[in-house]
Protein backbone atom coordinates (compact mmCIF):
# COMPACT_ATOMS: atom_id res chain seq x y z
CA MET A 1 -53.32 48.02 -12.40
CA GLN A 2 -51.90 46.98 -8.29
CA GLN A 3 -54.35 46.47 -5.92
CA ALA A 4 -55.03 48.88 -2.19
CA ASP A 5 -52.49 47.86 0.33
CA SER A 6 -55.65 46.97 2.28
CA GLU A 7 -56.34 44.23 0.16
CA ILE A 8 -54.10 40.69 1.33
CA CYS A 9 -52.21 38.36 -0.61
CA GLY A 10 -54.69 35.07 -0.21
CA ALA A 11 -51.80 33.29 0.18
CA THR A 12 -50.43 30.61 3.30
CA THR A 13 -47.10 30.13 4.46
CA ARG A 14 -44.97 27.54 5.06
CA ASP A 15 -46.27 27.53 9.06
CA GLY A 16 -50.28 28.34 7.83
CA SER A 17 -50.54 32.01 8.70
CA LYS A 18 -51.91 34.11 6.46
CA CYS A 19 -48.67 35.26 3.92
CA GLN A 20 -49.27 39.01 4.89
CA ARG A 21 -48.06 41.07 2.06
CA PRO A 22 -50.43 43.14 -0.52
CA ALA A 23 -51.68 41.17 -3.13
CA GLY A 24 -50.20 42.55 -6.04
CA TRP A 25 -46.90 42.81 -4.03
CA GLY A 26 -43.36 42.70 -6.48
CA THR A 27 -45.98 42.87 -9.37
CA ASP A 28 -47.23 44.59 -12.03
CA ARG A 29 -50.60 42.22 -12.46
CA ASP A 30 -53.77 43.09 -10.33
CA GLU A 31 -53.87 38.92 -9.15
CA GLY A 32 -54.86 38.67 -5.15
CA ARG A 33 -51.85 36.77 -4.59
CA CYS A 34 -48.20 38.59 -3.95
CA LYS A 35 -45.11 38.02 -6.07
CA GLN A 36 -43.62 35.50 -3.67
CA HIS A 37 -47.25 33.22 -3.32
CA GLY A 38 -47.42 33.34 -7.02
CA GLY A 39 -49.02 36.83 -8.82
CA ASN A 40 -46.67 36.96 -11.41
CA GLY A 41 -48.28 35.15 -14.02
CA GLY A 42 -49.36 32.42 -11.20
CA ARG A 43 -44.98 32.01 -11.57
CA PRO A 44 -43.61 30.70 -8.72
CA PRO A 45 -40.01 33.29 -8.17
CA LYS A 46 -37.48 31.60 -10.06
CA HIS A 47 -34.75 31.27 -6.98
CA GLY A 48 -33.49 28.85 -4.63
CA ARG A 49 -33.20 25.21 -4.63
CA TYR A 50 -34.66 24.38 -8.15
CA ALA A 51 -33.13 27.29 -9.75
CA ALA A 52 -30.10 25.01 -10.41
CA GLU A 53 -32.08 22.84 -12.61
CA ARG A 54 -33.44 25.42 -14.81
CA SER A 55 -29.52 26.39 -15.88
CA GLU A 56 -27.61 24.27 -18.12
CA SER A 57 -24.46 26.45 -17.67
CA LEU A 58 -25.25 25.94 -13.43
CA GLN A 59 -25.33 22.38 -14.09
CA ARG A 60 -21.96 22.02 -15.88
CA LYS A 61 -20.72 24.55 -13.27
CA ILE A 62 -22.37 21.72 -10.69
CA GLN A 63 -21.16 18.71 -12.43
CA GLU A 64 -17.07 20.89 -12.29
CA TYR A 65 -17.48 20.77 -9.18
CA ARG A 66 -18.34 18.03 -8.13
CA ASN A 67 -15.63 16.01 -10.28
CA ASP A 68 -12.81 18.55 -8.89
CA PRO A 69 -10.01 15.62 -7.64
CA ASN A 70 -9.66 18.76 -5.11
CA PRO A 71 -12.54 20.01 -3.60
CA ALA A 72 -10.66 21.82 -0.36
CA GLU A 73 -8.99 24.16 -2.74
CA MET A 74 -10.20 27.40 -2.46
CA TRP A 75 -7.10 29.66 -3.18
CA GLU A 76 -9.31 30.50 -6.42
CA GLU A 77 -11.81 31.68 -4.07
CA LEU A 78 -9.84 34.00 -1.88
CA ALA A 79 -8.59 35.84 -4.99
CA LEU A 80 -11.06 36.06 -5.66
CA LEU A 81 -12.00 38.03 -2.36
CA ARG A 82 -9.44 39.91 -2.91
CA ALA A 83 -10.04 41.22 -6.61
CA VAL A 84 -12.99 42.27 -5.99
CA LEU A 85 -12.32 43.97 -2.61
CA GLN A 86 -9.26 46.04 -4.54
CA GLU A 87 -11.56 47.08 -7.14
CA TRP A 88 -14.17 48.24 -4.70
CA LEU A 89 -11.95 50.30 -3.08
CA LYS A 90 -10.43 51.75 -6.14
CA ASP A 91 -13.96 52.89 -6.96
CA MET A 92 -14.93 54.25 -3.59
CA ASP A 93 -14.84 58.08 -4.11
CA GLU A 94 -15.92 58.71 -0.10
CA VAL A 95 -15.52 56.71 3.28
CA THR A 96 -19.89 56.59 4.64
CA GLU A 97 -21.17 54.56 7.21
CA ASP A 98 -21.92 51.74 4.51
CA SER A 99 -18.59 51.34 3.06
CA VAL A 100 -17.17 50.76 6.17
CA SER A 101 -19.78 48.00 6.55
CA VAL A 102 -18.82 46.68 3.05
CA LEU A 103 -15.16 46.88 3.85
CA LEU A 104 -15.28 45.11 7.38
CA ASP A 105 -17.23 42.27 5.38
CA LEU A 106 -15.36 41.90 2.83
CA GLN A 107 -12.18 41.96 5.56
CA ASN A 108 -14.12 39.07 7.26
CA SER A 109 -14.85 36.88 4.18
CA ILE A 110 -11.19 37.06 3.77
CA ARG A 111 -9.97 35.87 7.23
CA ARG A 112 -12.89 33.86 7.52
CA THR A 113 -11.89 31.95 3.38
CA LEU A 114 -7.37 32.27 5.22
CA ASP A 115 -8.68 30.37 7.98
CA SER A 116 -10.42 27.82 6.16
CA ILE A 117 -7.59 26.51 4.04
CA SER A 118 -5.00 27.18 7.29
CA LYS A 119 -7.07 24.55 8.73
CA ILE A 120 -6.85 22.57 5.76
CA GLN A 121 -3.63 22.37 5.67
CA SER A 122 -2.99 22.00 8.98
CA ARG A 123 -5.24 18.23 8.63
CA THR A 124 -3.63 17.85 6.09
CA ALA A 125 -0.15 17.80 7.44
CA LEU A 126 2.45 15.58 9.21
CA THR A 127 2.52 15.48 12.69
CA ALA A 128 6.90 15.76 14.34
CA ALA A 129 5.24 12.53 15.99
CA GLU A 130 4.07 11.46 12.15
CA VAL A 131 7.16 11.83 10.83
CA GLU A 132 9.85 9.64 13.55
CA TYR A 133 7.27 6.79 13.10
CA LEU A 134 7.14 6.15 9.00
CA GLN A 135 11.39 6.73 9.30
CA ALA A 136 11.42 4.26 11.93
CA ARG A 137 8.94 2.71 9.94
CA ILE A 138 11.34 3.21 6.90
CA ALA A 139 14.18 1.82 8.45
CA ASP A 140 12.93 -1.21 9.76
CA LEU A 141 12.12 -1.87 6.01
CA PHE A 142 15.12 -0.97 4.95
CA SER A 143 17.38 -3.57 7.41
CA SER A 144 14.32 -6.27 6.60
CA TYR A 145 13.65 -6.00 3.29
CA VAL A 146 16.95 -4.80 1.21
CA PRO A 147 20.03 -6.49 1.53
CA ALA A 148 23.13 -4.92 3.11
CA GLU A 149 25.34 -4.53 -0.32
CA GLN A 150 21.81 -2.32 -1.87
CA ARG A 151 20.99 -0.57 0.80
CA ASN A 152 23.21 3.12 0.12
CA ASP A 153 21.49 2.96 -3.42
CA ALA A 154 18.11 2.26 -1.94
CA LEU A 155 18.89 4.92 -0.14
CA ASN A 156 20.09 7.12 -2.02
CA GLU A 157 17.07 6.44 -4.67
CA LEU A 158 14.64 7.11 -1.94
CA GLU A 159 16.19 10.62 -0.91
CA GLN A 160 16.15 11.91 -5.06
CA ILE A 161 12.63 11.01 -4.82
CA VAL A 162 12.22 13.03 -1.16
CA ASP A 163 13.89 16.13 -2.46
CA SER A 164 12.44 16.18 -6.01
CA ASN A 165 8.41 16.16 -4.27
CA GLY A 166 9.59 18.47 -1.56
């Protein structure tokens, strides 16, 4: 049985103030505390930082992402957001204020993900000046270290390597 609304949770919040929720809020029992402060059989809620420690499946996923050789790769996230948007639009019966809000939130998430991908790609791309510098250094190295009679073969081989790697 839940306590009367006049009784408040007996807990103190992080900032030292009294919790303002009614005792029994979010619980099925009369315990003198709200769910947030242990009114659920004395157990704290399972969320936040420590929830990851309780789920082996989640731990495996976290480890998998930590071992990802390309952690900045965001194409999967973008595909997921686009799929969610398409499914949501397909299931939408009527346009309401709430549905427009969800639509705009999904579009903004897609836009932010695309912006992040673009920034990552531009940070890793060589500038025109860097490409010119590399070309000049390669030419210097070839003239210094490759005998004249072998330069054409070496240049052809280098060209094939560059062409095959895009």
